[in-house]
């Protein structure tokens, strides 16, 4: 069944910070939205999957071994599998994330991710 979803409506329907809302599945990938503020996760690697961060509102920096990469609303980045990274979020930012089912877990998402 075809279904139209509005990304901003979906992310704004999440009442708490750091709670990942799964909004769709596609070809073994999960699309999730999340609101984050004042959080820097530990460095981590996804060995089996690329990961996409798309900024819906606000901005953040993605830190890798190459340094900090700034991203703002309307921009996205794909982190290739095997790349050490961590998001650095200073002020409220709203994201769409896309990755293989099972890539995100409590250990690499700040402990609020639910399977």
PDB file of N, CA and C in Angstrom:
ATOM      1  N   UNK A   1       0.833  -1.174   0.000  1.00  0.00           N
ATOM      2  CA  UNK A   1       0.000   0.000   0.000  1.00  0.00           C
ATOM      3  C   UNK A   1       0.886   1.249   0.000  1.00  0.00           C
ATOM      4  N   UNK A   2       0.589   2.194  -0.862  1.00  0.00           N
ATOM      5  CA  UNK A   2       1.320   3.451  -0.916  1.00  0.00           C
ATOM      6  C   UNK A   2       0.840   4.367   0.200  1.00  0.00           C
ATOM      7  N   UNK A   3       1.801   5.055   0.818  1.00  0.00           N
ATOM      8  CA  UNK A   3       1.448   5.949   1.914  1.00  0.00           C
ATOM      9  C   UNK A   3       2.363   7.162   1.878  1.00  0.00           C
ATOM     10  N   UNK A   4       1.781   8.337   1.902  1.00  0.00           N
ATOM     11  CA  UNK A   4       2.542   9.580   1.950  1.00  0.00           C
ATOM     12  C   UNK A   4       2.792   9.936   3.408  1.00  0.00           C
ATOM     13  N   UNK A   5       4.048  10.273   3.740  1.00  0.00           N
ATOM     14  CA  UNK A   5       4.374  10.711   5.093  1.00  0.00           C
ATOM     15  C   UNK A   5       5.114  12.036   5.005  1.00  0.00           C
ATOM     16  N   UNK A   6       4.910  12.884   5.997  1.00  0.00           N
ATOM     17  CA  UNK A   6       5.589  14.165   6.084  1.00  0.00           C
ATOM     18  C   UNK A   6       6.679  14.038   7.145  1.00  0.00           C
ATOM     19  N   UNK A   7       7.938  14.207   6.751  1.00  0.00           N
ATOM     20  CA  UNK A   7       9.055  14.001   7.674  1.00  0.00           C
ATOM     21  C   UNK A   7       8.994  14.930   8.888  1.00  0.00           C
ATOM     22  N   UNK A   8       8.661  16.191   8.667  1.00  0.00           N
ATOM     23  CA  UNK A   8       8.598  17.121   9.803  1.00  0.00           C
ATOM     24  C   UNK A   8       7.457  16.766  10.746  1.00  0.00           C
ATOM     25  N   UNK A   9       6.309  16.363  10.205  1.00  0.00           N
ATOM     26  CA  UNK A   9       5.214  15.927  11.075  1.00  0.00           C
ATOM     27  C   UNK A   9       5.622  14.710  11.886  1.00  0.00           C
ATOM     28  N   UNK A  10       6.309  13.778  11.248  1.00  0.00           N
ATOM     29  CA  UNK A  10       6.741  12.561  11.942  1.00  0.00           C
ATOM     30  C   UNK A  10       7.707  12.887  13.074  1.00  0.00           C
ATOM     31  N   UNK A  11       8.743  13.691  12.798  1.00  0.00           N
ATOM     32  CA  UNK A  11       9.734  13.988  13.841  1.00  0.00           C
ATOM     33  C   UNK A  11       9.130  14.868  14.933  1.00  0.00           C
ATOM     34  N   UNK A  12       8.220  15.764  14.567  1.00  0.00           N
ATOM     35  CA  UNK A  12       7.592  16.621  15.576  1.00  0.00           C
ATOM     36  C   UNK A  12       6.572  15.881  16.429  1.00  0.00           C
ATOM     37  N   UNK A  13       6.170  14.698  16.019  1.00  0.00           N
ATOM     38  CA  UNK A  13       5.235  13.902  16.824  1.00  0.00           C
ATOM     39  C   UNK A  13       5.940  13.160  17.954  1.00  0.00           C
ATOM     40  N   UNK A  14       7.261  13.180  17.969  1.00  0.00           N
ATOM     41  CA  UNK A  14       8.040  12.523  19.025  1.00  0.00           C
ATOM     42  C   UNK A  14       8.166  13.503  20.188  1.00  0.00           C
ATOM     43  N   UNK A  15       7.644  13.123  21.348  1.00  0.00           N
ATOM     44  CA  UNK A  15       7.592  14.029  22.493  1.00  0.00           C
ATOM     45  C   UNK A  15       8.909  14.153  23.251  1.00  0.00           C
ATOM     46  N   UNK A  16       9.753  13.149  23.180  1.00  0.00           N
ATOM     47  CA  UNK A  16      10.991  13.138  23.954  1.00  0.00           C
ATOM     48  C   UNK A  16      12.206  13.227  23.053  1.00  0.00           C
ATOM     49  N   UNK A  17      13.282  13.763  23.612  1.00  0.00           N
ATOM     50  CA  UNK A  17      14.563  13.729  22.912  1.00  0.00           C
ATOM     51  C   UNK A  17      15.105  12.308  22.916  1.00  0.00           C
ATOM     52  N   UNK A  18      15.902  12.008  21.906  1.00  0.00           N
ATOM     53  CA  UNK A  18      16.678  10.756  21.806  1.00  0.00           C
ATOM     54  C   UNK A  18      15.832   9.504  21.591  1.00  0.00           C
ATOM     55  N   UNK A  19      14.543   9.664  21.319  1.00  0.00           N
ATOM     56  CA  UNK A  19      13.683   8.517  21.044  1.00  0.00           C
ATOM     57  C   UNK A  19      13.563   8.377  19.531  1.00  0.00           C
ATOM     58  N   UNK A  20      14.007   7.245  19.014  1.00  0.00           N
ATOM     59  CA  UNK A  20      13.992   6.988  17.580  1.00  0.00           C
ATOM     60  C   UNK A  20      12.628   6.419  17.187  1.00  0.00           C
ATOM     61  N   UNK A  21      11.961   7.105  16.276  1.00  0.00           N
ATOM     62  CA  UNK A  21      10.666   6.636  15.794  1.00  0.00           C
ATOM     63  C   UNK A  21      10.865   6.037  14.411  1.00  0.00           C
ATOM     64  N   UNK A  22      10.594   4.754  14.290  1.00  0.00           N
ATOM     65  CA  UNK A  22      10.682   4.094  12.991  1.00  0.00           C
ATOM     66  C   UNK A  22       9.459   4.493  12.178  1.00  0.00           C
ATOM     67  N   UNK A  23       9.696   5.113  11.018  1.00  0.00           N
ATOM     68  CA  UNK A  23       8.571   5.594  10.224  1.00  0.00           C
ATOM     69  C   UNK A  23       8.344   4.773   8.957  1.00  0.00           C
ATOM     70  N   UNK A  24       9.326   3.963   8.556  1.00  0.00           N
ATOM     71  CA  UNK A  24       9.155   3.141   7.358  1.00  0.00           C
ATOM     72  C   UNK A  24      10.279   2.113   7.271  1.00  0.00           C
ATOM     73  N   UNK A  25      10.032   1.109   6.446  1.00  0.00           N
ATOM     74  CA  UNK A  25      11.046   0.107   6.110  1.00  0.00           C
ATOM     75  C   UNK A  25      11.100   0.015   4.596  1.00  0.00           C
ATOM     76  N   UNK A  26      12.323  -0.188   4.059  1.00  0.00           N
ATOM     77  CA  UNK A  26      12.486  -0.265   2.614  1.00  0.00           C
ATOM     78  C   UNK A  26      13.706  -1.135   2.300  1.00  0.00           C
ATOM     79  N   UNK A  27      13.480  -2.237   1.604  1.00  0.00           N
ATOM     80  CA  UNK A  27      14.579  -3.104   1.151  1.00  0.00           C
ATOM     81  C   UNK A  27      15.547  -3.485   2.267  1.00  0.00           C
ATOM     82  N   UNK A  28      15.011  -3.817   3.425  1.00  0.00           N
ATOM     83  CA  UNK A  28      15.849  -4.212   4.550  1.00  0.00           C
ATOM     84  C   UNK A  28      16.411  -3.045   5.339  1.00  0.00           C
ATOM     85  N   UNK A  29      16.059  -1.825   4.947  1.00  0.00           N
ATOM     86  CA  UNK A  29      16.501  -0.630   5.670  1.00  0.00           C
ATOM     87  C   UNK A  29      15.379  -0.093   6.542  1.00  0.00           C
ATOM     88  N   UNK A  30      15.767   0.563   7.624  1.00  0.00           N
ATOM     89  CA  UNK A  30      14.825   1.230   8.514  1.00  0.00           C
ATOM     90  C   UNK A  30      15.030   2.733   8.371  1.00  0.00           C
ATOM     91  N   UNK A  31      13.937   3.455   8.226  1.00  0.00           N
ATOM     92  CA  UNK A  31      13.963   4.911   8.235  1.00  0.00           C
ATOM     93  C   UNK A  31      13.424   5.345   9.586  1.00  0.00           C
ATOM     94  N   UNK A  32      14.232   6.109  10.328  1.00  0.00           N
ATOM     95  CA  UNK A  32      13.859   6.563  11.663  1.00  0.00           C
ATOM     96  C   UNK A  32      14.044   8.067  11.753  1.00  0.00           C
ATOM     97  N   UNK A  33      13.205   8.707  12.566  1.00  0.00           N
ATOM     98  CA  UNK A  33      13.389  10.120  12.875  1.00  0.00           C
ATOM     99  C   UNK A  33      13.683  10.248  14.358  1.00  0.00           C
ATOM    100  N   UNK A  34      14.443  11.285  14.705  1.00  0.00           N
ATOM    101  CA  UNK A  34      14.829  11.494  16.098  1.00  0.00           C
ATOM    102  C   UNK A  34      15.127  12.976  16.309  1.00  0.00           C
ATOM    103  N   UNK A  35      14.863  13.435  17.534  1.00  0.00           N
ATOM    104  CA  UNK A  35      15.233  14.784  17.956  1.00  0.00           C
ATOM    105  C   UNK A  35      16.364  14.654  18.972  1.00  0.00           C
ATOM    106  N   UNK A  36      17.422  15.435  18.774  1.00  0.00           N
ATOM    107  CA  UNK A  36      18.609  15.334  19.631  1.00  0.00           C
ATOM    108  C   UNK A  36      19.063  16.740  20.020  1.00  0.00           C
ATOM    109  N   UNK A  37      19.525  16.894  21.260  1.00  0.00           N
ATOM    110  CA  UNK A  37      20.100  18.169  21.719  1.00  0.00           C
ATOM    111  C   UNK A  37      21.199  17.874  22.732  1.00  0.00           C
ATOM    112  N   UNK A  38      22.257  18.647  22.682  1.00  0.00           N
ATOM    113  CA  UNK A  38      23.327  18.594  23.683  1.00  0.00           C
ATOM    114  C   UNK A  38      23.802  17.167  23.952  1.00  0.00           C
ATOM    115  N   UNK A  39      24.211  16.474  22.889  1.00  0.00           N
ATOM    116  CA  UNK A  39      24.658  15.094  23.062  1.00  0.00           C
ATOM    117  C   UNK A  39      25.774  14.773  22.082  1.00  0.00           C
ATOM    118  N   UNK A  40      26.805  14.137  22.606  1.00  0.00           N
ATOM    119  CA  UNK A  40      27.884  13.603  21.787  1.00  0.00           C
ATOM    120  C   UNK A  40      27.997  12.127  22.122  1.00  0.00           C
ATOM    121  N   UNK A  41      27.744  11.293  21.137  1.00  0.00           N
ATOM    122  CA  UNK A  41      27.836   9.856  21.356  1.00  0.00           C
ATOM    123  C   UNK A  41      29.285   9.409  21.308  1.00  0.00           C
ATOM    124  N   UNK A  42      29.561   8.216  21.816  1.00  0.00           N
ATOM    125  CA  UNK A  42      30.891   7.633  21.717  1.00  0.00           C
ATOM    126  C   UNK A  42      31.175   7.291  20.257  1.00  0.00           C
ATOM    127  N   UNK A  43      32.460   7.284  19.911  1.00  0.00           N
ATOM    128  CA  UNK A  43      32.832   6.821  18.576  1.00  0.00           C
ATOM    129  C   UNK A  43      32.395   5.376  18.416  1.00  0.00           C
ATOM    130  N   UNK A  44      31.915   5.049  17.214  1.00  0.00           N
ATOM    131  CA  UNK A  44      31.523   3.679  16.924  1.00  0.00           C
ATOM    132  C   UNK A  44      31.620   3.428  15.428  1.00  0.00           C
ATOM    133  N   UNK A  45      31.525   2.165  15.066  1.00  0.00           N
ATOM    134  CA  UNK A  45      31.639   1.723  13.675  1.00  0.00           C
ATOM    135  C   UNK A  45      30.482   0.768  13.389  1.00  0.00           C
ATOM    136  N   UNK A  46      29.909   0.885  12.213  1.00  0.00           N
ATOM    137  CA  UNK A  46      28.943  -0.097  11.735  1.00  0.00           C
ATOM    138  C   UNK A  46      29.676  -0.926  10.683  1.00  0.00           C
ATOM    139  N   UNK A  47      29.943  -2.170  10.994  1.00  0.00           N
ATOM    140  CA  UNK A  47      30.755  -3.027  10.119  1.00  0.00           C
ATOM    141  C   UNK A  47      30.005  -3.530   8.891  1.00  0.00           C
ATOM    142  N   UNK A  48      28.667  -3.611   8.976  1.00  0.00           N
ATOM    143  CA  UNK A  48      27.907  -4.260   7.906  1.00  0.00           C
ATOM    144  C   UNK A  48      26.975  -3.339   7.138  1.00  0.00           C
ATOM    145  N   UNK A  49      26.980  -2.057   7.452  1.00  0.00           N
ATOM    146  CA  UNK A  49      25.996  -1.179   6.823  1.00  0.00           C
ATOM    147  C   UNK A  49      26.478   0.257   6.771  1.00  0.00           C
ATOM    148  N   UNK A  50      26.183   0.915   5.658  1.00  0.00           N
ATOM    149  CA  UNK A  50      26.322   2.364   5.598  1.00  0.00           C
ATOM    150  C   UNK A  50      25.213   2.954   6.474  1.00  0.00           C
ATOM    151  N   UNK A  51      25.365   4.228   6.811  1.00  0.00           N
ATOM    152  CA  UNK A  51      24.350   4.919   7.611  1.00  0.00           C
ATOM    153  C   UNK A  51      24.163   6.316   7.034  1.00  0.00           C
ATOM    154  N   UNK A  52      22.915   6.735   6.894  1.00  0.00           N
ATOM    155  CA  UNK A  52      22.646   8.065   6.381  1.00  0.00           C
ATOM    156  C   UNK A  52      22.021   8.934   7.462  1.00  0.00           C
ATOM    157  N   UNK A  53      22.544  10.149   7.604  1.00  0.00           N
ATOM    158  CA  UNK A  53      21.973  11.178   8.460  1.00  0.00           C
ATOM    159  C   UNK A  53      21.468  12.286   7.549  1.00  0.00           C
ATOM    160  N   UNK A  54      20.184  12.626   7.644  1.00  0.00           N
ATOM    161  CA  UNK A  54      19.611  13.737   6.893  1.00  0.00           C
ATOM    162  C   UNK A  54      19.062  14.733   7.911  1.00  0.00           C
ATOM    163  N   UNK A  55      19.547  15.967   7.873  1.00  0.00           N
ATOM    164  CA  UNK A  55      19.138  16.976   8.848  1.00  0.00           C
ATOM    165  C   UNK A  55      17.844  17.628   8.370  1.00  0.00           C
ATOM    166  N   UNK A  56      16.793  17.482   9.175  1.00  0.00           N
ATOM    167  CA  UNK A  56      15.498  18.066   8.854  1.00  0.00           C
ATOM    168  C   UNK A  56      15.376  19.481   9.400  1.00  0.00           C
ATOM    169  N   UNK A  57      15.871  19.700  10.604  1.00  0.00           N
ATOM    170  CA  UNK A  57      15.904  21.023  11.235  1.00  0.00           C
ATOM    171  C   UNK A  57      17.154  21.112  12.089  1.00  0.00           C
ATOM    172  N   UNK A  58      17.690  22.316  12.239  1.00  0.00           N
ATOM    173  CA  UNK A  58      18.861  22.526  13.060  1.00  0.00           C
ATOM    174  C   UNK A  58      20.145  22.161  12.331  1.00  0.00           C
ATOM    175  N   UNK A  59      21.164  21.832  13.120  1.00  0.00           N
ATOM    176  CA  UNK A  59      22.457  21.471  12.556  1.00  0.00           C
ATOM    177  C   UNK A  59      23.216  20.611  13.558  1.00  0.00           C
ATOM    178  N   UNK A  60      24.244  19.942  13.063  1.00  0.00           N
ATOM    179  CA  UNK A  60      25.127  19.167  13.930  1.00  0.00           C
ATOM    180  C   UNK A  60      26.429  18.945  13.197  1.00  0.00           C
ATOM    181  N   UNK A  61      27.382  18.351  13.886  1.00  0.00           N
ATOM    182  CA  UNK A  61      28.648  17.997  13.263  1.00  0.00           C
ATOM    183  C   UNK A  61      28.831  16.497  13.377  1.00  0.00           C
ATOM    184  N   UNK A  62      29.346  15.910  12.332  1.00  0.00           N
ATOM    185  CA  UNK A  62      29.704  14.499  12.351  1.00  0.00           C
ATOM    186  C   UNK A  62      31.211  14.435  12.500  1.00  0.00           C
ATOM    187  N   UNK A  63      31.676  13.775  13.544  1.00  0.00           N
ATOM    188  CA  UNK A  63      33.114  13.660  13.775  1.00  0.00           C
ATOM    189  C   UNK A  63      33.603  12.308  13.286  1.00  0.00           C
ATOM    190  N   UNK A  64      34.666  12.335  12.493  1.00  0.00           N
ATOM    191  CA  UNK A  64      35.325  11.139  11.987  1.00  0.00           C
ATOM    192  C   UNK A  64      36.820  11.296  12.254  1.00  0.00           C
ATOM    193  N   UNK A  65      37.593  10.326  11.826  1.00  0.00           N
ATOM    194  CA  UNK A  65      39.042  10.419  11.982  1.00  0.00           C
ATOM    195  C   UNK A  65      39.620  11.569  11.161  1.00  0.00           C
ATOM    196  N   UNK A  66      38.839  12.066  10.199  1.00  0.00           N
ATOM    197  CA  UNK A  66      39.280  13.181   9.356  1.00  0.00           C
ATOM    198  C   UNK A  66      38.891  14.541   9.936  1.00  0.00           C
ATOM    199  N   UNK A  67      38.170  14.561  11.055  1.00  0.00           N
ATOM    200  CA  UNK A  67      37.766  15.818  11.677  1.00  0.00           C
ATOM    201  C   UNK A  67      36.265  15.966  11.743  1.00  0.00           C
ATOM    202  N   UNK A  68      35.824  17.205  11.970  1.00  0.00           N
ATOM    203  CA  UNK A  68      34.404  17.520  12.106  1.00  0.00           C
ATOM    204  C   UNK A  68      33.822  17.957  10.761  1.00  0.00           C
ATOM    205  N   UNK A  69      32.674  17.398  10.429  1.00  0.00           N
ATOM    206  CA  UNK A  69      31.971  17.741   9.192  1.00  0.00           C
ATOM    207  C   UNK A  69      30.659  18.415   9.587  1.00  0.00           C
ATOM    208  N   UNK A  70      30.506  19.721   9.315  1.00  0.00           N
ATOM    209  CA  UNK A  70      29.257  20.405   9.688  1.00  0.00           C
ATOM    210  C   UNK A  70      28.132  20.080   8.704  1.00  0.00           C
ATOM    211  N   UNK A  71      26.929  19.900   9.245  1.00  0.00           N
ATOM    212  CA  UNK A  71      25.729  19.652   8.432  1.00  0.00           C
ATOM    213  C   UNK A  71      24.601  20.514   8.952  1.00  0.00           C
ATOM    214  N   UNK A  72      23.801  21.043   8.031  1.00  0.00           N
ATOM    215  CA  UNK A  72      22.661  21.880   8.422  1.00  0.00           C
ATOM    216  C   UNK A  72      21.399  21.379   7.734  1.00  0.00           C
ATOM    217  N   UNK A  73      20.274  21.967   8.108  1.00  0.00           N
ATOM    218  CA  UNK A  73      18.973  21.543   7.584  1.00  0.00           C
ATOM    219  C   UNK A  73      18.998  21.466   6.062  1.00  0.00           C
ATOM    220  N   UNK A  74      18.451  20.361   5.556  1.00  0.00           N
ATOM    221  CA  UNK A  74      18.406  20.129   4.122  1.00  0.00           C
ATOM    222  C   UNK A  74      19.587  19.348   3.582  1.00  0.00           C
ATOM    223  N   UNK A  75      20.586  19.111   4.418  1.00  0.00           N
ATOM    224  CA  UNK A  75      21.775  18.372   3.983  1.00  0.00           C
ATOM    225  C   UNK A  75      21.768  16.967   4.560  1.00  0.00           C
ATOM    226  N   UNK A  76      22.442  16.062   3.845  1.00  0.00           N
ATOM    227  CA  UNK A  76      22.600  14.707   4.364  1.00  0.00           C
ATOM    228  C   UNK A  76      24.001  14.219   4.089  1.00  0.00           C
ATOM    229  N   UNK A  77      24.370  13.172   4.825  1.00  0.00           N
ATOM    230  CA  UNK A  77      25.670  12.545   4.647  1.00  0.00           C
ATOM    231  C   UNK A  77      25.488  11.043   4.796  1.00  0.00           C
ATOM    232  N   UNK A  78      26.226  10.303   4.005  1.00  0.00           N
ATOM    233  CA  UNK A  78      26.242   8.851   4.120  1.00  0.00           C
ATOM    234  C   UNK A  78      27.588   8.453   4.702  1.00  0.00           C
ATOM    235  N   UNK A  79      27.538   7.757   5.829  1.00  0.00           N
ATOM    236  CA  UNK A  79      28.746   7.268   6.482  1.00  0.00           C
ATOM    237  C   UNK A  79      28.973   5.840   5.991  1.00  0.00           C
ATOM    238  N   UNK A  80      30.056   5.612   5.243  1.00  0.00           N
ATOM    239  CA  UNK A  80      30.298   4.262   4.734  1.00  0.00           C
ATOM    240  C   UNK A  80      30.558   3.255   5.863  1.00  0.00           C
ATOM    241  N   UNK A  81      30.110   2.027   5.649  1.00  0.00           N
ATOM    242  CA  UNK A  81      30.363   0.992   6.659  1.00  0.00           C
ATOM    243  C   UNK A  81      31.863   0.934   6.937  1.00  0.00           C
ATOM    244  N   UNK A  82      32.196   0.625   8.185  1.00  0.00           N
ATOM    245  CA  UNK A  82      33.594   0.544   8.595  1.00  0.00           C
ATOM    246  C   UNK A  82      34.224   1.877   8.956  1.00  0.00           C
ATOM    247  N   UNK A  83      33.450   2.977   8.906  1.00  0.00           N
ATOM    248  CA  UNK A  83      33.975   4.311   9.215  1.00  0.00           C
ATOM    249  C   UNK A  83      33.694   4.664  10.673  1.00  0.00           C
ATOM    250  N   UNK A  84      34.748   4.938  11.429  1.00  0.00           N
ATOM    251  CA  UNK A  84      34.606   5.382  12.817  1.00  0.00           C
ATOM    252  C   UNK A  84      33.963   6.771  12.803  1.00  0.00           C
ATOM    253  N   UNK A  85      32.899   6.952  13.580  1.00  0.00           N
ATOM    254  CA  UNK A  85      32.192   8.227  13.578  1.00  0.00           C
ATOM    255  C   UNK A  85      31.407   8.429  14.864  1.00  0.00           C
ATOM    256  N   UNK A  86      30.991   9.677  15.052  1.00  0.00           N
ATOM    257  CA  UNK A  86      30.057  10.003  16.131  1.00  0.00           C
ATOM    258  C   UNK A  86      29.413  11.346  15.828  1.00  0.00           C
ATOM    259  N   UNK A  87      28.117  11.463  16.100  1.00  0.00           N
ATOM    260  CA  UNK A  87      27.460  12.756  15.953  1.00  0.00           C
ATOM    261  C   UNK A  87      27.762  13.646  17.163  1.00  0.00           C
ATOM    262  N   UNK A  88      27.977  14.917  16.885  1.00  0.00           N
ATOM    263  CA  UNK A  88      28.196  15.924  17.919  1.00  0.00           C
ATOM    264  C   UNK A  88      27.088  16.960  17.755  1.00  0.00           C
ATOM    265  N   UNK A  89      26.138  16.958  18.694  1.00  0.00           N
ATOM    266  CA  UNK A  89      24.963  17.826  18.590  1.00  0.00           C
ATOM    267  C   UNK A  89      24.973  18.787  19.772  1.00  0.00           C
ATOM    268  N   UNK A  90      25.051  20.078  19.477  1.00  0.00           N
ATOM    269  CA  UNK A  90      25.104  21.085  20.540  1.00  0.00           C
ATOM    270  C   UNK A  90      23.736  21.677  20.842  1.00  0.00           C
ATOM    271  N   UNK A  91      22.942  21.943  19.814  1.00  0.00           N
ATOM    272  CA  UNK A  91      21.601  22.484  19.987  1.00  0.00           C
ATOM    273  C   UNK A  91      20.599  21.556  19.319  1.00  0.00           C
ATOM    274  N   UNK A  92      19.331  21.787  19.538  1.00  0.00           N
ATOM    275  CA  UNK A  92      18.298  20.893  19.015  1.00  0.00           C
ATOM    276  C   UNK A  92      18.448  20.683  17.513  1.00  0.00           C
ATOM    277  N   UNK A  93      18.495  19.435  17.124  1.00  0.00           N
ATOM    278  CA  UNK A  93      18.533  19.049  15.712  1.00  0.00           C
ATOM    279  C   UNK A  93      17.568  17.892  15.521  1.00  0.00           C
ATOM    280  N   UNK A  94      16.963  17.851  14.344  1.00  0.00           N
ATOM    281  CA  UNK A  94      16.009  16.794  14.009  1.00  0.00           C
ATOM    282  C   UNK A  94      16.519  16.082  12.768  1.00  0.00           C
ATOM    283  N   UNK A  95      16.566  14.744  12.825  1.00  0.00           N
ATOM    284  CA  UNK A  95      17.173  13.946  11.771  1.00  0.00           C
ATOM    285  C   UNK A  95      16.220  12.909  11.210  1.00  0.00           C
ATOM    286  N   UNK A  96      16.491  12.541   9.991  1.00  0.00           N
ATOM    287  CA  UNK A  96      16.037  11.285   9.408  1.00  0.00           C
ATOM    288  C   UNK A  96      17.282  10.427   9.294  1.00  0.00           C
ATOM    289  N   UNK A  97      17.196   9.194   9.746  1.00  0.00           N
ATOM    290  CA  UNK A  97      18.323   8.262   9.640  1.00  0.00           C
ATOM    291  C   UNK A  97      17.869   7.041   8.847  1.00  0.00           C
ATOM    292  N   UNK A  98      18.775   6.529   8.022  1.00  0.00           N
ATOM    293  CA  UNK A  98      18.486   5.347   7.217  1.00  0.00           C
ATOM    294  C   UNK A  98      19.648   4.386   7.363  1.00  0.00           C
ATOM    295  N   UNK A  99      19.337   3.138   7.741  1.00  0.00           N
ATOM    296  CA  UNK A  99      20.365   2.102   7.851  1.00  0.00           C
ATOM    297  C   UNK A  99      19.693   0.735   7.814  1.00  0.00           C
ATOM    298  N   UNK A 100      20.516  -0.308   7.591  1.00  0.00           N
ATOM    299  CA  UNK A 100      19.989  -1.672   7.612  1.00  0.00           C
ATOM    300  C   UNK A 100      19.318  -1.955   8.941  1.00  0.00           C
ATOM    301  N   UNK A 101      18.253  -2.724   8.890  1.00  0.00           N
ATOM    302  CA  UNK A 101      17.591  -3.205  10.110  1.00  0.00           C
ATOM    303  C   UNK A 101      18.642  -3.846  11.008  1.00  0.00           C
ATOM    304  N   UNK A 102      18.661  -3.459  12.280  1.00  0.00           N
ATOM    305  CA  UNK A 102      19.596  -4.034  13.240  1.00  0.00           C
ATOM    306  C   UNK A 102      20.892  -3.263  13.390  1.00  0.00           C
ATOM    307  N   UNK A 103      21.145  -2.269  12.529  1.00  0.00           N
ATOM    308  CA  UNK A 103      22.388  -1.492  12.636  1.00  0.00           C
ATOM    309  C   UNK A 103      22.395  -0.648  13.901  1.00  0.00           C
ATOM    310  N   UNK A 104      21.318   0.078  14.149  1.00  0.00           N
ATOM    311  CA  UNK A 104      21.224   0.864  15.380  1.00  0.00           C
ATOM    312  C   UNK A 104      20.809  -0.048  16.517  1.00  0.00           C
ATOM    313  N   UNK A 105      21.397   0.217  17.680  1.00  0.00           N
ATOM    314  CA  UNK A 105      21.042  -0.524  18.888  1.00  0.00           C
ATOM    315  C   UNK A 105      21.300   0.384  20.084  1.00  0.00           C
ATOM    316  N   UNK A 106      21.015  -0.098  21.270  1.00  0.00           N
ATOM    317  CA  UNK A 106      21.173   0.718  22.467  1.00  0.00           C
ATOM    318  C   UNK A 106      22.620   1.160  22.691  1.00  0.00           C
ATOM    319  N   UNK A 107      23.584   0.350  22.284  1.00  0.00           N
ATOM    320  CA  UNK A 107      24.993   0.670  22.517  1.00  0.00           C
ATOM    321  C   UNK A 107      25.483   1.824  21.644  1.00  0.00           C
ATOM    322  N   UNK A 108      24.955   1.975  20.420  1.00  0.00           N
ATOM    323  CA  UNK A 108      25.485   3.013  19.539  1.00  0.00           C
ATOM    324  C   UNK A 108      24.498   4.150  19.264  1.00  0.00           C
ATOM    325  N   UNK A 109      23.408   4.185  20.022  1.00  0.00           N
ATOM    326  CA  UNK A 109      22.407   5.235  19.788  1.00  0.00           C
ATOM    327  C   UNK A 109      22.123   6.068  21.027  1.00  0.00           C
ATOM    328  N   UNK A 110      22.856   5.851  22.095  1.00  0.00           N
ATOM    329  CA  UNK A 110      22.592   6.602  23.314  1.00  0.00           C
ATOM    330  C   UNK A 110      21.562   5.956  24.203  1.00  0.00           C
ATOM    331  N   UNK A 111      21.319   4.653  24.016  1.00  0.00           N
ATOM    332  CA  UNK A 111      20.496   3.836  24.907  1.00  0.00           C
ATOM    333  C   UNK A 111      18.984   4.048  24.799  1.00  0.00           C
ATOM    334  N   UNK A 112      18.497   4.793  23.819  1.00  0.00           N
ATOM    335  CA  UNK A 112      17.053   4.999  23.712  1.00  0.00           C
ATOM    336  C   UNK A 112      16.435   4.254  22.526  1.00  0.00           C
ATOM    337  N   UNK A 113      17.221   3.533  21.775  1.00  0.00           N
ATOM    338  CA  UNK A 113      16.717   2.859  20.593  1.00  0.00           C
ATOM    339  C   UNK A 113      16.017   1.575  20.984  1.00  0.00           C
ATOM    340  N   UNK A 114      14.845   1.338  20.415  1.00  0.00           N
ATOM    341  CA  UNK A 114      14.113   0.097  20.701  1.00  0.00           C
ATOM    342  C   UNK A 114      13.936  -0.691  19.424  1.00  0.00           C
ATOM    343  N   UNK A 115      14.251  -1.980  19.494  1.00  0.00           N
ATOM    344  CA  UNK A 115      14.092  -2.846  18.332  1.00  0.00           C
ATOM    345  C   UNK A 115      12.635  -3.157  18.071  1.00  0.00           C
TER     346      UNK A 115
END
